[in-house]
């Protein structure tokens, strides 16, 4: 939804006040009193409208149609340092496709490599998982699903489920503690659910590309049950309640053998559209004048729920930095607790709330010389060394 014009919204609120049924009086004194009260109500509504608009503006511009662009200095970053980052990135990551830096909602650096352009759609691999987790948050906000503590068995009653998976919850799936093995035949949801799990659900982190498809299957079933008369499956649900809201134009969402879009991989889009998901998370699930997810969803989704290694842990289908970075800014030293969506060999949405910063990368995932599990740490190290260091440490906007 394109943001309404500020003046128009305020006038609409003002008209709402003017239409209040205050009633007429036969006495001039009473008429004066009612006129005064109406005028007061108009002022109150006008002030509320201005306050609401100012609050929205404080959150930053909304890139529903297009990203706002600014010079680095306009958002307290150094253009020379960012130029260095743009030159270093393709040398450190030769198969890199793109590098985007967004601060305060403004696109301040955008580079493409290896024949890519701003309009190129790519497979974002496991960043799909974070989109699916976000869509689950939307479903909870819409009250189609009660909470992450609901059991998969209750939400997919038509499937035969192994007794050891009887207590498998949505939260177990979101945190990769489903217990199921990551086997290709488990693209078939029926096979996944009736097979004996490798581990007891809820106990151990075991990364799975297939368990997240349980989430798309559940959402697809909810759509087919008619939770919203205008959506018929999970694809149309995602389009109406997530992609369309953010202005994302997906070119493909691969389906599994059940005919249901995959939950672990399969989405194709541009780097700028990937950034829109990051911006939704950065704004705590709010987009323009709508709260798309529960207010505490992003906080829970980006929380350190389960250990992975010394560098990072896991939230709800996204990775969480285990230790904060310390960054010198114009406002002093800040601890930065980053988290990120990550896809096979270089698809990355780094979210750094304390800095109001997003860093997005895409890459050629066919390069077998790059190790899947070490790349996210290398990417964060690049951000720490070259993007964080571009943040200005002297003076701030508005100072003389």
Protein backbone atom coordinates (compact mmCIF):
# COMPACT_ATOMS: atom_id res chain seq x y z
CA UNK A 1 0.00 0.00 0.00
CA UNK A 2 1.41 3.36 -0.99
CA UNK A 3 1.59 5.77 1.89
CA UNK A 4 -1.20 8.35 1.91
CA UNK A 5 -0.34 12.00 1.48
CA UNK A 6 0.31 13.58 4.86
CA UNK A 7 -2.03 16.52 4.32
CA UNK A 8 -4.76 14.24 3.00
CA UNK A 9 -4.58 12.01 6.05
CA UNK A 10 -4.73 14.95 8.42
CA UNK A 11 -7.70 16.43 6.55
CA UNK A 12 -9.44 13.05 6.68
CA UNK A 13 -8.97 12.97 10.45
CA UNK A 14 -10.18 16.58 10.68
CA UNK A 15 -13.32 15.75 8.69
CA UNK A 16 -13.95 12.82 10.97
CA UNK A 17 -14.03 15.24 13.89
CA UNK A 18 -16.27 17.69 12.08
CA UNK A 19 -18.84 15.00 11.48
CA UNK A 20 -19.27 14.17 15.14
CA UNK A 21 -23.02 14.51 16.09
CA UNK A 22 -22.79 17.23 18.72
CA UNK A 23 -26.42 18.38 18.35
CA UNK A 24 -27.84 21.93 18.00
CA UNK A 25 -28.91 24.39 20.69
CA UNK A 26 -31.62 27.07 20.77
CA UNK A 27 -29.45 29.35 22.85
CA UNK A 28 -26.55 31.37 21.50
CA UNK A 29 -24.49 30.66 24.58
CA UNK A 30 -24.91 26.91 24.15
CA UNK A 31 -24.14 27.22 20.44
CA UNK A 32 -20.94 29.03 21.27
CA UNK A 33 -20.04 26.28 23.71
CA UNK A 34 -20.63 23.56 21.11
CA UNK A 35 -18.71 25.49 18.46
CA UNK A 36 -15.83 25.86 20.89
CA UNK A 37 -15.88 22.15 21.73
CA UNK A 38 -15.96 21.22 18.06
CA UNK A 39 -13.03 23.52 17.35
CA UNK A 40 -11.15 21.94 20.25
CA UNK A 41 -11.86 18.48 18.88
CA UNK A 42 -10.60 19.57 15.45
CA UNK A 43 -7.37 20.80 17.02
CA UNK A 44 -6.97 17.56 18.97
CA UNK A 45 -7.53 15.45 15.87
CA UNK A 46 -5.17 17.65 13.88
CA UNK A 47 -2.46 17.31 16.53
CA UNK A 48 -2.97 13.54 16.67
CA UNK A 49 -2.71 13.34 12.91
CA UNK A 50 0.51 15.36 12.90
CA UNK A 51 1.92 13.28 15.76
CA UNK A 52 1.10 10.03 13.95
CA UNK A 53 2.67 11.27 10.74
CA UNK A 54 5.78 12.46 12.59
CA UNK A 55 6.06 9.07 14.26
CA UNK A 56 5.83 7.36 10.88
CA UNK A 57 8.43 9.71 9.40
CA UNK A 58 10.76 9.01 12.34
CA UNK A 59 10.78 5.34 11.35
CA UNK A 60 12.26 6.27 8.00
CA UNK A 61 11.02 6.18 4.39
CA UNK A 62 9.12 3.11 3.21
CA UNK A 63 10.52 1.46 0.05
CA UNK A 64 7.19 -0.07 -1.00
CA UNK A 65 7.54 1.31 -4.52
CA UNK A 66 11.22 2.29 -4.68
CA UNK A 67 14.16 2.70 -2.33
CA UNK A 68 15.06 6.24 -1.34
CA UNK A 69 18.69 7.02 -2.11
CA UNK A 70 21.04 9.31 -0.21
CA UNK A 71 24.70 10.20 0.00
CA UNK A 72 26.58 8.32 2.73
CA UNK A 73 27.28 11.58 4.56
CA UNK A 74 23.53 12.26 4.84
CA UNK A 75 23.24 9.19 7.11
CA UNK A 76 26.53 9.69 8.98
CA UNK A 77 28.64 7.39 6.83
CA UNK A 78 31.85 8.11 4.97
CA UNK A 79 31.65 7.84 1.18
CA UNK A 80 35.39 7.19 0.79
CA UNK A 81 35.25 4.26 3.20
CA UNK A 82 32.23 2.82 1.39
CA UNK A 83 34.04 3.14 -1.95
CA UNK A 84 36.83 1.04 -0.46
CA UNK A 85 34.26 -1.56 0.66
CA UNK A 86 32.81 -1.67 -2.86
CA UNK A 87 36.29 -2.34 -4.32
CA UNK A 88 37.35 -4.87 -1.70
CA UNK A 89 34.16 -6.98 -1.78
CA UNK A 90 34.63 -8.60 -5.24
CA UNK A 91 38.25 -9.44 -4.39
CA UNK A 92 37.26 -11.17 -1.16
CA UNK A 93 34.22 -12.83 -2.78
CA UNK A 94 35.02 -13.35 -6.49
CA UNK A 95 31.63 -14.96 -7.13
CA UNK A 96 29.75 -12.06 -5.55
CA UNK A 97 26.77 -10.71 -7.47
CA UNK A 98 25.72 -7.69 -5.43
CA UNK A 99 26.45 -5.53 -2.40
CA UNK A 100 23.84 -3.16 -0.96
CA UNK A 101 24.19 -0.90 2.07
CA UNK A 102 21.09 0.76 3.55
CA UNK A 103 21.07 3.07 6.55
CA UNK A 104 18.13 4.91 8.09
CA UNK A 105 16.01 3.55 5.26
CA UNK A 106 18.21 5.14 2.59
CA UNK A 107 20.15 3.21 -0.03
CA UNK A 108 23.68 4.65 0.20
CA UNK A 109 25.75 2.06 -1.66
CA UNK A 110 24.78 -0.39 -4.42
CA UNK A 111 27.18 -2.42 -6.55
CA UNK A 112 26.71 -5.32 -8.99
CA UNK A 113 29.27 -7.75 -10.34
CA UNK A 114 29.64 -10.64 -12.78
CA UNK A 115 27.09 -9.30 -15.24
CA UNK A 116 24.35 -8.71 -12.67
CA UNK A 117 22.08 -5.65 -12.61
CA UNK A 118 19.52 -4.10 -10.29
CA UNK A 119 16.78 -6.03 -12.12
CA UNK A 120 18.39 -9.49 -11.98
CA UNK A 121 16.41 -12.16 -10.14
CA UNK A 122 18.35 -14.90 -8.41
CA UNK A 123 17.62 -17.95 -6.30
CA UNK A 124 18.02 -16.77 -2.71
CA UNK A 125 18.32 -20.33 -1.39
CA UNK A 126 17.90 -20.55 2.40
CA UNK A 127 16.96 -16.90 2.78
CA UNK A 128 13.62 -18.45 1.77
CA UNK A 129 13.49 -19.87 5.31
CA UNK A 130 13.45 -16.42 6.87
CA UNK A 131 10.65 -15.34 4.52
CA UNK A 132 8.64 -18.40 5.58
CA UNK A 133 9.25 -17.72 9.28
CA UNK A 134 8.09 -14.15 8.70
CA UNK A 135 4.94 -15.40 6.96
CA UNK A 136 4.25 -17.59 9.98
CA UNK A 137 4.48 -14.46 12.12
CA UNK A 138 1.91 -12.84 9.83
CA UNK A 139 -0.37 -15.87 10.28
CA UNK A 140 -0.12 -15.56 14.06
CA UNK A 141 -0.93 -11.85 13.83
CA UNK A 142 -4.01 -12.75 11.75
CA UNK A 143 -4.92 -15.39 14.40
CA UNK A 144 -4.91 -18.23 11.88
CA UNK A 145 -2.37 -19.92 14.13
CA UNK A 146 -2.34 -19.46 17.91
CA UNK A 147 1.38 -19.60 18.70
CA UNK A 148 4.69 -21.29 17.93
CA UNK A 149 3.87 -23.82 20.64
CA UNK A 150 1.18 -25.48 18.53
CA UNK A 151 1.92 -29.05 17.50
CA UNK A 152 2.51 -29.97 13.87
CA UNK A 153 0.41 -33.11 14.36
CA UNK A 154 -2.60 -30.99 15.31
CA UNK A 155 -2.13 -28.65 12.36
CA UNK A 156 -1.63 -31.44 9.77
CA UNK A 157 -4.05 -34.12 11.00
CA UNK A 158 -4.43 -35.70 7.55
CA UNK A 159 -0.85 -37.03 7.64
CA UNK A 160 0.38 -40.22 9.29
CA UNK A 161 2.87 -39.04 11.91
CA UNK A 162 5.56 -41.11 13.63
CA UNK A 163 4.86 -41.41 17.38
CA UNK A 164 8.20 -39.76 18.16
CA UNK A 165 7.07 -36.68 16.22
CA UNK A 166 3.76 -36.40 18.09
CA UNK A 167 5.00 -33.49 20.20
CA UNK A 168 6.88 -31.70 17.43
CA UNK A 169 6.04 -27.98 17.65
CA UNK A 170 6.31 -25.07 15.25
CA UNK A 171 9.04 -23.63 17.47
CA UNK A 172 11.04 -26.85 17.08
CA UNK A 173 10.87 -26.43 13.31
CA UNK A 174 11.72 -22.71 13.46
CA UNK A 175 14.86 -23.39 15.53
CA UNK A 176 16.02 -26.47 13.55
CA UNK A 177 15.29 -28.77 16.43
CA UNK A 178 12.73 -30.88 14.60
CA UNK A 179 14.83 -34.03 14.99
CA UNK A 180 14.32 -35.11 11.36
CA UNK A 181 17.24 -35.91 9.11
CA UNK A 182 18.01 -33.64 6.17
CA UNK A 183 17.35 -36.25 3.48
CA UNK A 184 16.26 -35.34 -0.03
CA UNK A 185 13.35 -37.79 -0.02
CA UNK A 186 11.92 -35.72 2.84
CA UNK A 187 10.90 -33.12 0.28
CA UNK A 188 7.79 -35.30 0.37
CA UNK A 189 6.06 -34.14 3.55
CA UNK A 190 4.25 -37.42 4.04
CA UNK A 191 7.55 -39.33 4.08
CA UNK A 192 9.13 -36.81 6.44
CA UNK A 193 6.36 -37.08 9.02
CA UNK A 194 5.99 -40.85 9.10
CA UNK A 195 9.73 -41.64 9.22
CA UNK A 196 11.41 -42.19 12.57
CA UNK A 197 13.27 -38.99 13.51
CA UNK A 198 17.01 -39.02 13.98
CA UNK A 199 16.76 -37.05 17.24
CA UNK A 200 14.10 -36.24 19.82
CA UNK A 201 12.29 -33.06 18.74
CA UNK A 202 13.18 -29.98 20.73
CA UNK A 203 16.53 -31.24 22.00
CA UNK A 204 19.30 -30.74 19.44
CA UNK A 205 20.09 -28.35 16.61
CA UNK A 206 20.15 -30.25 13.31
CA UNK A 207 19.97 -28.04 10.22
CA UNK A 208 17.30 -29.23 7.79
CA UNK A 209 16.40 -27.96 4.34
CA UNK A 210 13.16 -29.96 4.40
CA UNK A 211 11.53 -29.54 7.82
CA UNK A 212 10.63 -25.86 7.07
CA UNK A 213 8.29 -27.15 4.34
CA UNK A 214 6.06 -28.28 7.20
CA UNK A 215 5.37 -24.58 7.76
CA UNK A 216 4.36 -23.91 4.16
CA UNK A 217 2.20 -27.06 4.24
CA UNK A 218 0.43 -25.83 7.38
CA UNK A 219 -0.12 -22.36 5.92
CA UNK A 220 -1.32 -23.87 2.67
CA UNK A 221 -3.86 -25.98 4.59
CA UNK A 222 -5.05 -22.91 6.49
CA UNK A 223 -5.58 -21.05 3.21
CA UNK A 224 -7.52 -23.95 1.74
CA UNK A 225 -9.68 -24.05 4.89
CA UNK A 226 -10.80 -20.54 4.04
CA UNK A 227 -9.15 -18.45 6.77
CA UNK A 228 -9.31 -15.67 4.18
CA UNK A 229 -11.82 -15.97 1.39
CA UNK A 230 -9.51 -14.19 -1.06
CA UNK A 231 -6.61 -16.63 -0.78
CA UNK A 232 -6.66 -20.20 -2.00
CA UNK A 233 -3.17 -21.45 -1.13
CA UNK A 234 0.04 -20.43 0.61
CA UNK A 235 1.36 -18.67 -2.51
CA UNK A 236 -1.60 -16.29 -2.72
CA UNK A 237 -1.51 -15.87 1.06
CA UNK A 238 2.15 -14.82 0.91
CA UNK A 239 1.46 -12.51 -2.02
CA UNK A 240 -1.44 -10.73 -0.32
CA UNK A 241 -0.11 -10.49 3.22
CA UNK A 242 3.65 -10.18 2.70
CA UNK A 243 5.05 -9.68 -0.81
CA UNK A 244 2.43 -7.19 -1.97
CA UNK A 245 2.61 -5.26 1.29
CA UNK A 246 6.39 -4.84 0.95
CA UNK A 247 6.40 -4.25 -2.80
CA UNK A 248 8.28 -7.49 -3.51
CA UNK A 249 7.96 -9.06 -6.94
CA UNK A 250 9.04 -12.70 -6.83
CA UNK A 251 9.85 -14.35 -10.13
CA UNK A 252 9.61 -17.95 -8.89
CA UNK A 253 8.84 -20.02 -5.78
CA UNK A 254 9.80 -23.62 -6.40
CA UNK A 255 7.32 -26.31 -5.36
CA UNK A 256 7.99 -29.67 -3.76
CA UNK A 257 6.54 -33.02 -4.88
CA UNK A 258 3.35 -32.27 -2.91
CA UNK A 259 2.71 -29.22 -5.07
CA UNK A 260 3.34 -26.92 -2.10
CA UNK A 261 6.05 -24.23 -2.25
CA UNK A 262 9.21 -25.23 -0.42
CA UNK A 263 9.85 -23.81 3.01
CA UNK A 264 13.62 -24.14 2.95
CA UNK A 265 14.60 -22.94 -0.53
CA UNK A 266 13.11 -21.93 -3.86
CA UNK A 267 12.34 -18.19 -3.82
CA UNK A 268 13.76 -16.03 -6.64
CA UNK A 269 13.93 -12.22 -6.44
CA UNK A 270 16.22 -9.20 -6.75
CA UNK A 271 18.71 -8.02 -4.14
CA UNK A 272 16.58 -4.92 -3.53
CA UNK A 273 13.57 -7.11 -2.76
CA UNK A 274 15.66 -9.16 -0.33
CA UNK A 275 16.47 -5.89 1.39
CA UNK A 276 12.75 -5.20 1.86
CA UNK A 277 12.49 -8.23 4.14
CA UNK A 278 15.47 -6.93 6.11
CA UNK A 279 13.79 -3.54 6.42
CA UNK A 280 10.57 -5.13 7.72
CA UNK A 281 12.61 -6.89 10.40
CA UNK A 282 14.58 -3.73 11.15
CA UNK A 283 11.25 -1.96 11.74
CA UNK A 284 10.03 -4.70 14.12
CA UNK A 285 7.44 -6.07 11.73
CA UNK A 286 5.87 -2.73 10.86
CA UNK A 287 5.35 -1.54 7.28
CA UNK A 288 3.95 1.91 6.62
CA UNK A 289 0.87 2.16 8.85
CA UNK A 290 0.44 -1.59 9.45
CA UNK A 291 1.89 -3.94 12.03
CA UNK A 292 2.21 -7.07 9.89
CA UNK A 293 3.41 -9.36 12.67
CA UNK A 294 2.93 -9.46 16.44
CA UNK A 295 4.91 -6.64 18.05
CA UNK A 296 7.24 -9.05 19.86
CA UNK A 297 7.72 -11.40 16.88
CA UNK A 298 10.97 -9.92 15.55
CA UNK A 299 12.40 -9.79 19.06
CA UNK A 300 11.73 -13.51 19.50
CA UNK A 301 12.74 -14.41 15.95
CA UNK A 302 16.12 -12.66 16.33
CA UNK A 303 16.78 -14.01 19.81
CA UNK A 304 19.59 -16.48 20.49
CA UNK A 305 17.50 -19.65 20.99
CA UNK A 306 20.01 -22.38 20.26
CA UNK A 307 23.79 -22.69 20.09
CA UNK A 308 25.60 -23.44 16.85
CA UNK A 309 29.26 -22.43 17.20
CA UNK A 310 31.47 -19.80 18.85
CA UNK A 311 30.40 -17.12 16.37
CA UNK A 312 26.66 -17.59 16.04
CA UNK A 313 23.49 -19.26 17.17
CA UNK A 314 20.02 -19.58 15.76
CA UNK A 315 16.68 -17.80 16.14
CA UNK A 316 13.53 -18.44 14.08
CA UNK A 317 14.99 -19.57 10.75
CA UNK A 318 17.67 -16.91 10.89
CA UNK A 319 21.15 -16.71 12.35
CA UNK A 320 22.09 -14.63 15.39
CA UNK A 321 25.51 -13.25 16.30
CA UNK A 322 26.61 -14.80 19.56
CA UNK A 323 28.63 -11.81 20.74
CA UNK A 324 28.00 -8.13 20.07
CA UNK A 325 30.40 -5.96 18.11
CA UNK A 326 31.50 -2.62 19.48
CA UNK A 327 31.20 0.21 17.00
CA UNK A 328 32.29 3.82 17.48
CA UNK A 329 29.63 6.21 16.25
CA UNK A 330 28.99 9.94 16.47
CA UNK A 331 26.95 9.17 19.58
CA UNK A 332 29.68 7.15 21.28
CA UNK A 333 30.53 3.46 21.40
CA UNK A 334 27.60 1.15 20.72
CA UNK A 335 27.18 -2.58 21.17
CA UNK A 336 25.75 -4.02 17.97
CA UNK A 337 23.80 -7.28 18.18
CA UNK A 338 23.43 -8.39 14.58
CA UNK A 339 21.40 -11.18 13.06
CA UNK A 340 21.06 -12.33 9.48
CA UNK A 341 19.22 -14.40 6.94
CA UNK A 342 21.65 -16.54 5.01
CA UNK A 343 21.42 -18.63 1.87
CA UNK A 344 23.81 -21.06 0.19
CA UNK A 345 27.24 -19.56 -0.61
CA UNK A 346 26.65 -15.88 -0.21
CA UNK A 347 22.98 -14.84 -0.13
CA UNK A 348 22.87 -12.57 2.91
CA UNK A 349 20.65 -10.04 4.69
CA UNK A 350 22.56 -8.59 7.64
CA UNK A 351 20.33 -6.70 10.09
CA UNK A 352 22.02 -4.39 12.62
CA UNK A 353 19.27 -2.61 14.59
CA UNK A 354 21.47 -0.47 16.83
CA UNK A 355 22.97 1.15 13.72
CA UNK A 356 19.72 1.20 11.70
CA UNK A 357 21.77 -0.65 9.09
CA UNK A 358 21.13 -3.33 6.49
CA UNK A 359 23.78 -5.07 4.37
CA UNK A 360 22.62 -7.34 1.55
CA UNK A 361 24.72 -9.57 -0.69
CA UNK A 362 23.97 -12.12 -3.40
CA UNK A 363 26.42 -14.48 -5.08
CA UNK A 364 26.94 -17.27 -7.58
CA UNK A 365 26.17 -20.38 -5.52
CA UNK A 366 27.70 -22.73 -8.10
CA UNK A 367 31.22 -21.83 -6.94
CA UNK A 368 32.28 -25.03 -5.18
CA UNK A 369 35.44 -23.45 -3.77
CA UNK A 370 33.44 -21.62 -1.12
CA UNK A 371 32.47 -23.42 2.07
CA UNK A 372 28.79 -22.95 2.89
CA UNK A 373 29.13 -22.74 6.67
CA UNK A 374 32.14 -20.43 6.83
CA UNK A 375 30.89 -17.82 4.36
CA UNK A 376 28.44 -16.13 6.78
CA UNK A 377 31.25 -15.54 9.27
CA UNK A 378 33.46 -14.13 6.50
CA UNK A 379 30.64 -11.90 5.31
CA UNK A 380 30.08 -10.55 8.80
CA UNK A 381 33.80 -9.98 9.17
CA UNK A 382 33.70 -7.98 5.92
CA UNK A 383 30.78 -5.93 7.28
CA UNK A 384 32.57 -5.36 10.57
CA UNK A 385 35.83 -4.26 8.96
CA UNK A 386 34.59 -2.25 5.98
CA UNK A 387 30.96 -1.20 6.56
CA UNK A 388 31.00 -0.51 10.30
CA UNK A 389 34.24 1.44 9.83
CA UNK A 390 32.44 3.70 7.32
CA UNK A 391 30.16 4.99 10.08
CA UNK A 392 31.30 8.47 10.98
CA UNK A 393 32.69 8.91 14.47
CA UNK A 394 33.00 12.70 14.57
CA UNK A 395 30.05 15.09 14.57
CA UNK A 396 26.50 14.27 13.65
CA UNK A 397 23.81 15.57 11.37
CA UNK A 398 22.54 18.93 12.49
CA UNK A 399 25.67 19.88 14.46
CA UNK A 400 27.60 23.00 13.58
